[in-house]
Amino acid sequence: MASGCKTWFEAAHEARVPIGSEGWHLCLQWGRLHHEEDGARWVEEGYRFVYRDDKSNQKPFRAQTRIPSLKKVLELINQAKREGWGDFDTGE
């Protein structure tokens, strides 16, 4: 019987911008995506978007994050660049 795939993200860097009036933030993260499946383990590095509330709890989305505007994405990218991690590249 297959155990399925277990995946989790280890964030090394995060930039945030507020979204709406209910305390949510759209976040751009750089980190490592860890995978385990049927005894095999592997890691991928890269960027991802997530939402967090005002207490830093991640919003429970399944696999997709709605992006309200590219203006917000550019704000996050520029913040990441100012902090020194916005030009990371996996080489893929």
PDB file of N, CA and C in Angstrom:
ATOM      1  N   MET A   1       0.839  -1.182   0.000  1.00  0.00           N
ATOM      2  CA  MET A   1       0.000   0.000   0.000  1.00  0.00           C
ATOM      3  C   MET A   1       0.883   1.245   0.000  1.00  0.00           C
ATOM      4  N   ALA A   2       0.661   2.161  -0.937  1.00  0.00           N
ATOM      5  CA  ALA A   2       1.444   3.388  -1.046  1.00  0.00           C
ATOM      6  C   ALA A   2       1.089   4.340   0.087  1.00  0.00           C
ATOM      7  N   SER A   3       2.105   5.014   0.605  1.00  0.00           N
ATOM      8  CA  SER A   3       1.884   5.926   1.724  1.00  0.00           C
ATOM      9  C   SER A   3       1.477   7.317   1.266  1.00  0.00           C
ATOM     10  N   GLY A   4       1.580   7.597  -0.022  1.00  0.00           N
ATOM     11  CA  GLY A   4       1.264   8.934  -0.517  1.00  0.00           C
ATOM     12  C   GLY A   4       2.456   9.859  -0.373  1.00  0.00           C
ATOM     13  N   CYS A   5       2.284  11.068  -0.835  1.00  0.00           N
ATOM     14  CA  CYS A   5       3.372  12.041  -0.826  1.00  0.00           C
ATOM     15  C   CYS A   5       3.155  13.041   0.312  1.00  0.00           C
ATOM     16  N   LYS A   6       4.175  13.230   1.112  1.00  0.00           N
ATOM     17  CA  LYS A   6       4.154  14.224   2.178  1.00  0.00           C
ATOM     18  C   LYS A   6       5.059  15.368   1.744  1.00  0.00           C
ATOM     19  N   THR A   7       4.553  16.583   1.793  1.00  0.00           N
ATOM     20  CA  THR A   7       5.308  17.737   1.331  1.00  0.00           C
ATOM     21  C   THR A   7       5.177  18.865   2.343  1.00  0.00           C
ATOM     22  N   TRP A   8       6.273  19.559   2.604  1.00  0.00           N
ATOM     23  CA  TRP A   8       6.220  20.748   3.456  1.00  0.00           C
ATOM     24  C   TRP A   8       7.247  21.758   2.985  1.00  0.00           C
ATOM     25  N   PHE A   9       6.983  23.032   3.316  1.00  0.00           N
ATOM     26  CA  PHE A   9       7.832  24.138   2.873  1.00  0.00           C
ATOM     27  C   PHE A   9       8.556  24.734   4.066  1.00  0.00           C
ATOM     28  N   GLU A  10       9.848  24.929   3.906  1.00  0.00           N
ATOM     29  CA  GLU A  10      10.697  25.543   4.922  1.00  0.00           C
ATOM     30  C   GLU A  10      11.099  26.921   4.405  1.00  0.00           C
ATOM     31  N   ALA A  11      10.454  27.978   4.900  1.00  0.00           N
ATOM     32  CA  ALA A  11      10.716  29.338   4.420  1.00  0.00           C
ATOM     33  C   ALA A  11      11.999  29.883   5.033  1.00  0.00           C
ATOM     34  N   ALA A  12      12.874  30.413   4.187  1.00  0.00           N
ATOM     35  CA  ALA A  12      14.103  31.057   4.646  1.00  0.00           C
ATOM     36  C   ALA A  12      13.957  32.571   4.649  1.00  0.00           C
ATOM     37  N   HIS A  13      13.125  33.098   3.744  1.00  0.00           N
ATOM     38  CA  HIS A  13      12.904  34.546   3.620  1.00  0.00           C
ATOM     39  C   HIS A  13      11.434  34.786   3.310  1.00  0.00           C
ATOM     40  N   GLU A  14      10.925  35.952   3.746  1.00  0.00           N
ATOM     41  CA  GLU A  14       9.528  36.287   3.474  1.00  0.00           C
ATOM     42  C   GLU A  14       9.360  37.792   3.368  1.00  0.00           C
ATOM     43  N   ALA A  15       8.620  38.228   2.354  1.00  0.00           N
ATOM     44  CA  ALA A  15       8.199  39.626   2.184  1.00  0.00           C
ATOM     45  C   ALA A  15       6.681  39.649   2.259  1.00  0.00           C
ATOM     46  N   ARG A  16       6.114  40.731   2.828  1.00  0.00           N
ATOM     47  CA  ARG A  16       4.656  40.812   3.010  1.00  0.00           C
ATOM     48  C   ARG A  16       4.115  42.153   2.531  1.00  0.00           C
ATOM     49  N   VAL A  17       2.891  42.109   2.000  1.00  0.00           N
ATOM     50  CA  VAL A  17       2.124  43.328   1.722  1.00  0.00           C
ATOM     51  C   VAL A  17       0.702  43.095   2.224  1.00  0.00           C
ATOM     52  N   PRO A  18       0.084  44.136   2.815  1.00  0.00           N
ATOM     53  CA  PRO A  18      -1.292  43.968   3.294  1.00  0.00           C
ATOM     54  C   PRO A  18      -2.270  43.852   2.132  1.00  0.00           C
ATOM     55  N   ILE A  19      -3.304  43.030   2.336  1.00  0.00           N
ATOM     56  CA  ILE A  19      -4.352  42.823   1.341  1.00  0.00           C
ATOM     57  C   ILE A  19      -5.701  42.987   2.039  1.00  0.00           C
ATOM     58  N   GLY A  20      -6.520  43.898   1.541  1.00  0.00           N
ATOM     59  CA  GLY A  20      -7.854  44.079   2.097  1.00  0.00           C
ATOM     60  C   GLY A  20      -7.839  44.707   3.475  1.00  0.00           C
ATOM     61  N   SER A  21      -9.002  44.667   4.134  1.00  0.00           N
ATOM     62  CA  SER A  21      -9.159  45.345   5.422  1.00  0.00           C
ATOM     63  C   SER A  21      -9.317  44.376   6.595  1.00  0.00           C
ATOM     64  N   GLU A  22      -9.115  43.086   6.353  1.00  0.00           N
ATOM     65  CA  GLU A  22      -9.340  42.106   7.421  1.00  0.00           C
ATOM     66  C   GLU A  22      -8.048  41.543   8.007  1.00  0.00           C
ATOM     67  N   GLY A  23      -6.924  42.215   7.789  1.00  0.00           N
ATOM     68  CA  GLY A  23      -5.672  41.809   8.407  1.00  0.00           C
ATOM     69  C   GLY A  23      -4.846  40.783   7.657  1.00  0.00           C
ATOM     70  N   TRP A  24      -5.236  40.436   6.429  1.00  0.00           N
ATOM     71  CA  TRP A  24      -4.471  39.452   5.660  1.00  0.00           C
ATOM     72  C   TRP A  24      -3.300  40.111   4.958  1.00  0.00           C
ATOM     73  N   HIS A  25      -2.241  39.308   4.757  1.00  0.00           N
ATOM     74  CA  HIS A  25      -1.055  39.738   4.027  1.00  0.00           C
ATOM     75  C   HIS A  25      -0.748  38.716   2.941  1.00  0.00           C
ATOM     76  N   LEU A  26      -0.443  39.212   1.744  1.00  0.00           N
ATOM     77  CA  LEU A  26       0.091  38.360   0.690  1.00  0.00           C
ATOM     78  C   LEU A  26       1.592  38.304   0.900  1.00  0.00           C
ATOM     79  N   CYS A  27       2.155  37.100   0.905  1.00  0.00           N
ATOM     80  CA  CYS A  27       3.576  36.914   1.197  1.00  0.00           C
ATOM     81  C   CYS A  27       4.279  36.223   0.036  1.00  0.00           C
ATOM     82  N   LEU A  28       5.477  36.683  -0.241  1.00  0.00           N
ATOM     83  CA  LEU A  28       6.384  36.008  -1.164  1.00  0.00           C
ATOM     84  C   LEU A  28       7.453  35.364  -0.304  1.00  0.00           C
ATOM     85  N   GLN A  29       7.667  34.066  -0.497  1.00  0.00           N
ATOM     86  CA  GLN A  29       8.663  33.347   0.286  1.00  0.00           C
ATOM     87  C   GLN A  29       9.687  32.682  -0.624  1.00  0.00           C
ATOM     88  N   TRP A  30      10.910  32.607  -0.139  1.00  0.00           N
ATOM     89  CA  TRP A  30      11.962  31.792  -0.747  1.00  0.00           C
ATOM     90  C   TRP A  30      12.295  30.706   0.270  1.00  0.00           C
ATOM     91  N   GLY A  31      12.424  29.482  -0.206  1.00  0.00           N
ATOM     92  CA  GLY A  31      12.767  28.417   0.724  1.00  0.00           C
ATOM     93  C   GLY A  31      12.932  27.082   0.045  1.00  0.00           C
ATOM     94  N   ARG A  32      12.778  26.037   0.847  1.00  0.00           N
ATOM     95  CA  ARG A  32      12.988  24.670   0.386  1.00  0.00           C
ATOM     96  C   ARG A  32      11.687  23.890   0.523  1.00  0.00           C
ATOM     97  N   LEU A  33      11.294  23.238  -0.557  1.00  0.00           N
ATOM     98  CA  LEU A  33      10.111  22.383  -0.582  1.00  0.00           C
ATOM     99  C   LEU A  33      10.587  20.940  -0.407  1.00  0.00           C
ATOM    100  N   HIS A  34      10.249  20.357   0.732  1.00  0.00           N
ATOM    101  CA  HIS A  34      10.668  18.994   1.070  1.00  0.00           C
ATOM    102  C   HIS A  34       9.580  18.011   0.649  1.00  0.00           C
ATOM    103  N   HIS A  35       9.994  16.917   0.039  1.00  0.00           N
ATOM    104  CA  HIS A  35       9.067  15.873  -0.402  1.00  0.00           C
ATOM    105  C   HIS A  35       9.487  14.532   0.192  1.00  0.00           C
ATOM    106  N   GLU A  36       8.492  13.729   0.550  1.00  0.00           N
ATOM    107  CA  GLU A  36       8.718  12.329   0.945  1.00  0.00           C
ATOM    108  C   GLU A  36       7.631  11.503   0.286  1.00  0.00           C
ATOM    109  N   GLU A  37       8.042  10.465  -0.413  1.00  0.00           N
ATOM    110  CA  GLU A  37       7.058   9.590  -1.052  1.00  0.00           C
ATOM    111  C   GLU A  37       7.620   8.188  -1.149  1.00  0.00           C
ATOM    112  N   ASP A  38       6.928   7.242  -0.537  1.00  0.00           N
ATOM    113  CA  ASP A  38       7.291   5.819  -0.597  1.00  0.00           C
ATOM    114  C   ASP A  38       8.766   5.584  -0.282  1.00  0.00           C
ATOM    115  N   GLY A  39       9.263   6.255   0.763  1.00  0.00           N
ATOM    116  CA  GLY A  39      10.642   6.064   1.193  1.00  0.00           C
ATOM    117  C   GLY A  39      11.655   6.963   0.510  1.00  0.00           C
ATOM    118  N   ALA A  40      11.284   7.610  -0.599  1.00  0.00           N
ATOM    119  CA  ALA A  40      12.196   8.521  -1.293  1.00  0.00           C
ATOM    120  C   ALA A  40      12.025   9.932  -0.730  1.00  0.00           C
ATOM    121  N   ARG A  41      13.131  10.652  -0.635  1.00  0.00           N
ATOM    122  CA  ARG A  41      13.106  12.042  -0.166  1.00  0.00           C
ATOM    123  C   ARG A  41      13.868  12.915  -1.149  1.00  0.00           C
ATOM    124  N   TRP A  42      13.343  14.112  -1.401  1.00  0.00           N
ATOM    125  CA  TRP A  42      14.047  15.078  -2.231  1.00  0.00           C
ATOM    126  C   TRP A  42      13.619  16.480  -1.855  1.00  0.00           C
ATOM    127  N   VAL A  43      14.452  17.457  -2.228  1.00  0.00           N
ATOM    128  CA  VAL A  43      14.226  18.857  -1.867  1.00  0.00           C
ATOM    129  C   VAL A  43      14.339  19.716  -3.120  1.00  0.00           C
ATOM    130  N   GLU A  44      13.433  20.682  -3.223  1.00  0.00           N
ATOM    131  CA  GLU A  44      13.488  21.677  -4.294  1.00  0.00           C
ATOM    132  C   GLU A  44      13.524  23.056  -3.650  1.00  0.00           C
ATOM    133  N   GLU A  45      14.293  23.971  -4.221  1.00  0.00           N
ATOM    134  CA  GLU A  45      14.317  25.351  -3.751  1.00  0.00           C
ATOM    135  C   GLU A  45      13.500  26.217  -4.690  1.00  0.00           C
ATOM    136  N   GLY A  46      12.950  27.300  -4.163  1.00  0.00           N
ATOM    137  CA  GLY A  46      12.223  28.221  -5.020  1.00  0.00           C
ATOM    138  C   GLY A  46      11.363  29.199  -4.241  1.00  0.00           C
ATOM    139  N   TYR A  47      10.597  29.976  -4.997  1.00  0.00           N
ATOM    140  CA  TYR A  47       9.688  30.975  -4.449  1.00  0.00           C
ATOM    141  C   TYR A  47       8.267  30.425  -4.402  1.00  0.00           C
ATOM    142  N   ARG A  48       7.460  30.985  -3.504  1.00  0.00           N
ATOM    143  CA  ARG A  48       6.033  30.682  -3.484  1.00  0.00           C
ATOM    144  C   ARG A  48       5.286  31.873  -2.881  1.00  0.00           C
ATOM    145  N   PHE A  49       3.984  31.942  -3.158  1.00  0.00           N
ATOM    146  CA  PHE A  49       3.103  32.938  -2.562  1.00  0.00           C
ATOM    147  C   PHE A  49       2.185  32.246  -1.565  1.00  0.00           C
ATOM    148  N   VAL A  50       1.947  32.891  -0.422  1.00  0.00           N
ATOM    149  CA  VAL A  50       0.992  32.417   0.578  1.00  0.00           C
ATOM    150  C   VAL A  50       0.298  33.630   1.188  1.00  0.00           C
ATOM    151  N   TYR A  51      -0.801  33.393   1.881  1.00  0.00           N
ATOM    152  CA  TYR A  51      -1.465  34.416   2.679  1.00  0.00           C
ATOM    153  C   TYR A  51      -1.239  34.119   4.154  1.00  0.00           C
ATOM    154  N   ARG A  52      -1.050  35.185   4.955  1.00  0.00           N
ATOM    155  CA  ARG A  52      -0.957  35.071   6.410  1.00  0.00           C
ATOM    156  C   ARG A  52      -1.904  36.085   7.035  1.00  0.00           C
ATOM    157  N   ASP A  53      -2.429  35.729   8.220  1.00  0.00           N
ATOM    158  CA  ASP A  53      -3.268  36.684   8.939  1.00  0.00           C
ATOM    159  C   ASP A  53      -2.384  37.588   9.804  1.00  0.00           C
ATOM    160  N   ASP A  54      -3.006  38.471  10.586  1.00  0.00           N
ATOM    161  CA  ASP A  54      -2.239  39.415  11.383  1.00  0.00           C
ATOM    162  C   ASP A  54      -1.470  38.758  12.525  1.00  0.00           C
ATOM    163  N   LYS A  55      -1.721  37.463  12.783  1.00  0.00           N
ATOM    164  CA  LYS A  55      -0.974  36.707  13.802  1.00  0.00           C
ATOM    165  C   LYS A  55       0.050  35.767  13.162  1.00  0.00           C
ATOM    166  N   SER A  56       0.268  35.942  11.855  1.00  0.00           N
ATOM    167  CA  SER A  56       1.226  35.149  11.071  1.00  0.00           C
ATOM    168  C   SER A  56       0.786  33.725  10.790  1.00  0.00           C
ATOM    169  N   ASN A  57      -0.476  33.403  11.030  1.00  0.00           N
ATOM    170  CA  ASN A  57      -0.990  32.084  10.656  1.00  0.00           C
ATOM    171  C   ASN A  57      -1.216  32.029   9.158  1.00  0.00           C
ATOM    172  N   GLN A  58      -0.777  30.953   8.553  1.00  0.00           N
ATOM    173  CA  GLN A  58      -0.952  30.794   7.113  1.00  0.00           C
ATOM    174  C   GLN A  58      -2.396  30.451   6.782  1.00  0.00           C
ATOM    175  N   LYS A  59      -2.932  31.085   5.753  1.00  0.00           N
ATOM    176  CA  LYS A  59      -4.293  30.806   5.312  1.00  0.00           C
ATOM    177  C   LYS A  59      -4.323  29.423   4.652  1.00  0.00           C
ATOM    178  N   PRO A  60      -5.288  28.599   4.999  1.00  0.00           N
ATOM    179  CA  PRO A  60      -5.300  27.217   4.515  1.00  0.00           C
ATOM    180  C   PRO A  60      -5.853  27.063   3.094  1.00  0.00           C
ATOM    181  N   PHE A  61      -5.029  27.389   2.111  1.00  0.00           N
ATOM    182  CA  PHE A  61      -5.396  27.153   0.719  1.00  0.00           C
ATOM    183  C   PHE A  61      -4.833  25.813   0.287  1.00  0.00           C
ATOM    184  N   ARG A  62      -5.427  25.224  -0.716  1.00  0.00           N
ATOM    185  CA  ARG A  62      -4.920  23.965  -1.245  1.00  0.00           C
ATOM    186  C   ARG A  62      -4.271  24.215  -2.604  1.00  0.00           C
ATOM    187  N   ALA A  63      -2.968  24.389  -2.591  1.00  0.00           N
ATOM    188  CA  ALA A  63      -2.142  24.411  -3.797  1.00  0.00           C
ATOM    189  C   ALA A  63      -2.172  25.698  -4.616  1.00  0.00           C
ATOM    190  N   GLN A  64      -3.103  26.619  -4.362  1.00  0.00           N
ATOM    191  CA  GLN A  64      -3.121  27.830  -5.185  1.00  0.00           C
ATOM    192  C   GLN A  64      -3.356  29.058  -4.323  1.00  0.00           C
ATOM    193  N   THR A  65      -2.767  30.166  -4.727  1.00  0.00           N
ATOM    194  CA  THR A  65      -2.932  31.434  -4.031  1.00  0.00           C
ATOM    195  C   THR A  65      -3.420  32.464  -5.035  1.00  0.00           C
ATOM    196  N   ARG A  66      -4.516  33.134  -4.692  1.00  0.00           N
ATOM    197  CA  ARG A  66      -5.059  34.181  -5.563  1.00  0.00           C
ATOM    198  C   ARG A  66      -4.180  35.419  -5.447  1.00  0.00           C
ATOM    199  N   ILE A  67      -3.793  35.971  -6.584  1.00  0.00           N
ATOM    200  CA  ILE A  67      -2.980  37.177  -6.624  1.00  0.00           C
ATOM    201  C   ILE A  67      -3.889  38.322  -7.073  1.00  0.00           C
ATOM    202  N   PRO A  68      -4.151  39.317  -6.209  1.00  0.00           N
ATOM    203  CA  PRO A  68      -5.114  40.365  -6.544  1.00  0.00           C
ATOM    204  C   PRO A  68      -4.631  41.355  -7.596  1.00  0.00           C
ATOM    205  N   SER A  69      -3.318  41.565  -7.690  1.00  0.00           N
ATOM    206  CA  SER A  69      -2.799  42.484  -8.712  1.00  0.00           C
ATOM    207  C   SER A  69      -1.305  42.266  -8.890  1.00  0.00           C
ATOM    208  N   LEU A  70      -0.823  42.556 -10.081  1.00  0.00           N
ATOM    209  CA  LEU A  70       0.620  42.463 -10.315  1.00  0.00           C
ATOM    210  C   LEU A  70       1.365  43.583  -9.592  1.00  0.00           C
ATOM    211  N   LYS A  71       0.673  44.670  -9.272  1.00  0.00           N
ATOM    212  CA  LYS A  71       1.283  45.745  -8.484  1.00  0.00           C
ATOM    213  C   LYS A  71       1.753  45.197  -7.137  1.00  0.00           C
ATOM    214  N   LYS A  72       0.922  44.375  -6.496  1.00  0.00           N
ATOM    215  CA  LYS A  72       1.301  43.764  -5.214  1.00  0.00           C
ATOM    216  C   LYS A  72       2.480  42.808  -5.396  1.00  0.00           C
ATOM    217  N   VAL A  73       2.485  42.054  -6.483  1.00  0.00           N
ATOM    218  CA  VAL A  73       3.596  41.142  -6.766  1.00  0.00           C
ATOM    219  C   VAL A  73       4.893  41.935  -6.930  1.00  0.00           C
ATOM    220  N   LEU A  74       4.844  43.040  -7.669  1.00  0.00           N
ATOM    221  CA  LEU A  74       6.037  43.869  -7.859  1.00  0.00           C
ATOM    222  C   LEU A  74       6.513  44.472  -6.541  1.00  0.00           C
ATOM    223  N   GLU A  75       5.587  44.856  -5.669  1.00  0.00           N
ATOM    224  CA  GLU A  75       5.962  45.359  -4.340  1.00  0.00           C
ATOM    225  C   GLU A  75       6.734  44.291  -3.581  1.00  0.00           C
ATOM    226  N   LEU A  76       6.245  43.048  -3.628  1.00  0.00           N
ATOM    227  CA  LEU A  76       6.912  41.950  -2.935  1.00  0.00           C
ATOM    228  C   LEU A  76       8.288  41.660  -3.532  1.00  0.00           C
ATOM    229  N   ILE A  77       8.372  41.642  -4.844  1.00  0.00           N
ATOM    230  CA  ILE A  77       9.653  41.380  -5.509  1.00  0.00           C
ATOM    231  C   ILE A  77      10.656  42.479  -5.167  1.00  0.00           C
ATOM    232  N   ASN A  78      10.217  43.728  -5.215  1.00  0.00           N
ATOM    233  CA  ASN A  78      11.118  44.841  -4.889  1.00  0.00           C
ATOM    234  C   ASN A  78      11.573  44.790  -3.434  1.00  0.00           C
ATOM    235  N   GLN A  79      10.677  44.406  -2.530  1.00  0.00           N
ATOM    236  CA  GLN A  79      11.053  44.256  -1.127  1.00  0.00           C
ATOM    237  C   GLN A  79      12.093  43.153  -0.975  1.00  0.00           C
ATOM    238  N   ALA A  80      11.878  42.026  -1.643  1.00  0.00           N
ATOM    239  CA  ALA A  80      12.835  40.916  -1.584  1.00  0.00           C
ATOM    240  C   ALA A  80      14.197  41.340  -2.133  1.00  0.00           C
ATOM    241  N   LYS A  81      14.202  42.106  -3.205  1.00  0.00           N
ATOM    242  CA  LYS A  81      15.474  42.585  -3.774  1.00  0.00           C
ATOM    243  C   LYS A  81      16.189  43.524  -2.812  1.00  0.00           C
ATOM    244  N   ARG A  82      15.436  44.436  -2.176  1.00  0.00           N
ATOM    245  CA  ARG A  82      16.045  45.345  -1.203  1.00  0.00           C
ATOM    246  C   ARG A  82      16.663  44.580  -0.041  1.00  0.00           C
ATOM    247  N   GLU A  83      16.031  43.457   0.336  1.00  0.00           N
ATOM    248  CA  GLU A  83      16.526  42.640   1.445  1.00  0.00           C
ATOM    249  C   GLU A  83      17.626  41.666   1.023  1.00  0.00           C
ATOM    250  N   GLY A  84      17.932  41.606  -0.273  1.00  0.00           N
ATOM    251  CA  GLY A  84      19.053  40.801  -0.745  1.00  0.00           C
ATOM    252  C   GLY A  84      18.741  39.381  -1.174  1.00  0.00           C
ATOM    253  N   TRP A  85      17.459  39.011  -1.253  1.00  0.00           N
ATOM    254  CA  TRP A  85      17.138  37.639  -1.657  1.00  0.00           C
ATOM    255  C   TRP A  85      16.215  37.585  -2.876  1.00  0.00           C
ATOM    256  N   GLY A  86      15.980  38.695  -3.524  1.00  0.00           N
ATOM    257  CA  GLY A  86      15.054  38.749  -4.657  1.00  0.00           C
ATOM    258  C   GLY A  86      15.625  38.296  -5.977  1.00  0.00           C
ATOM    259  N   ASP A  87      16.891  37.975  -6.021  1.00  0.00           N
ATOM    260  CA  ASP A  87      17.488  37.521  -7.271  1.00  0.00           C
ATOM    261  C   ASP A  87      17.963  36.072  -7.195  1.00  0.00           C
ATOM    262  N   PHE A  88      17.518  35.333  -6.184  1.00  0.00           N
ATOM    263  CA  PHE A  88      17.883  33.925  -6.108  1.00  0.00           C
ATOM    264  C   PHE A  88      17.325  33.183  -7.316  1.00  0.00           C
ATOM    265  N   ASP A  89      18.060  32.204  -7.800  1.00  0.00           N
ATOM    266  CA  ASP A  89      17.682  31.481  -8.998  1.00  0.00           C
ATOM    267  C   ASP A  89      18.101  30.018  -8.834  1.00  0.00           C
ATOM    268  N   THR A  90      17.189  29.115  -9.102  1.00  0.00           N
ATOM    269  CA  THR A  90      17.518  27.685  -8.977  1.00  0.00           C
ATOM    270  C   THR A  90      18.298  27.154 -10.177  1.00  0.00           C
ATOM    271  N   GLY A  91      18.388  27.940 -11.241  1.00  0.00           N
ATOM    272  CA  GLY A  91      19.107  27.506 -12.426  1.00  0.00           C
ATOM    273  C   GLY A  91      18.304  26.616 -13.351  1.00  0.00           C
ATOM    274  N   GLU A  92      17.027  26.432 -13.057  1.00  0.00           N
ATOM    275  CA  GLU A  92      16.187  25.575 -13.911  1.00  0.00           C
ATOM    276  C   GLU A  92      15.734  26.318 -15.133  1.00  0.00           C
TER     277      GLU A  92
END
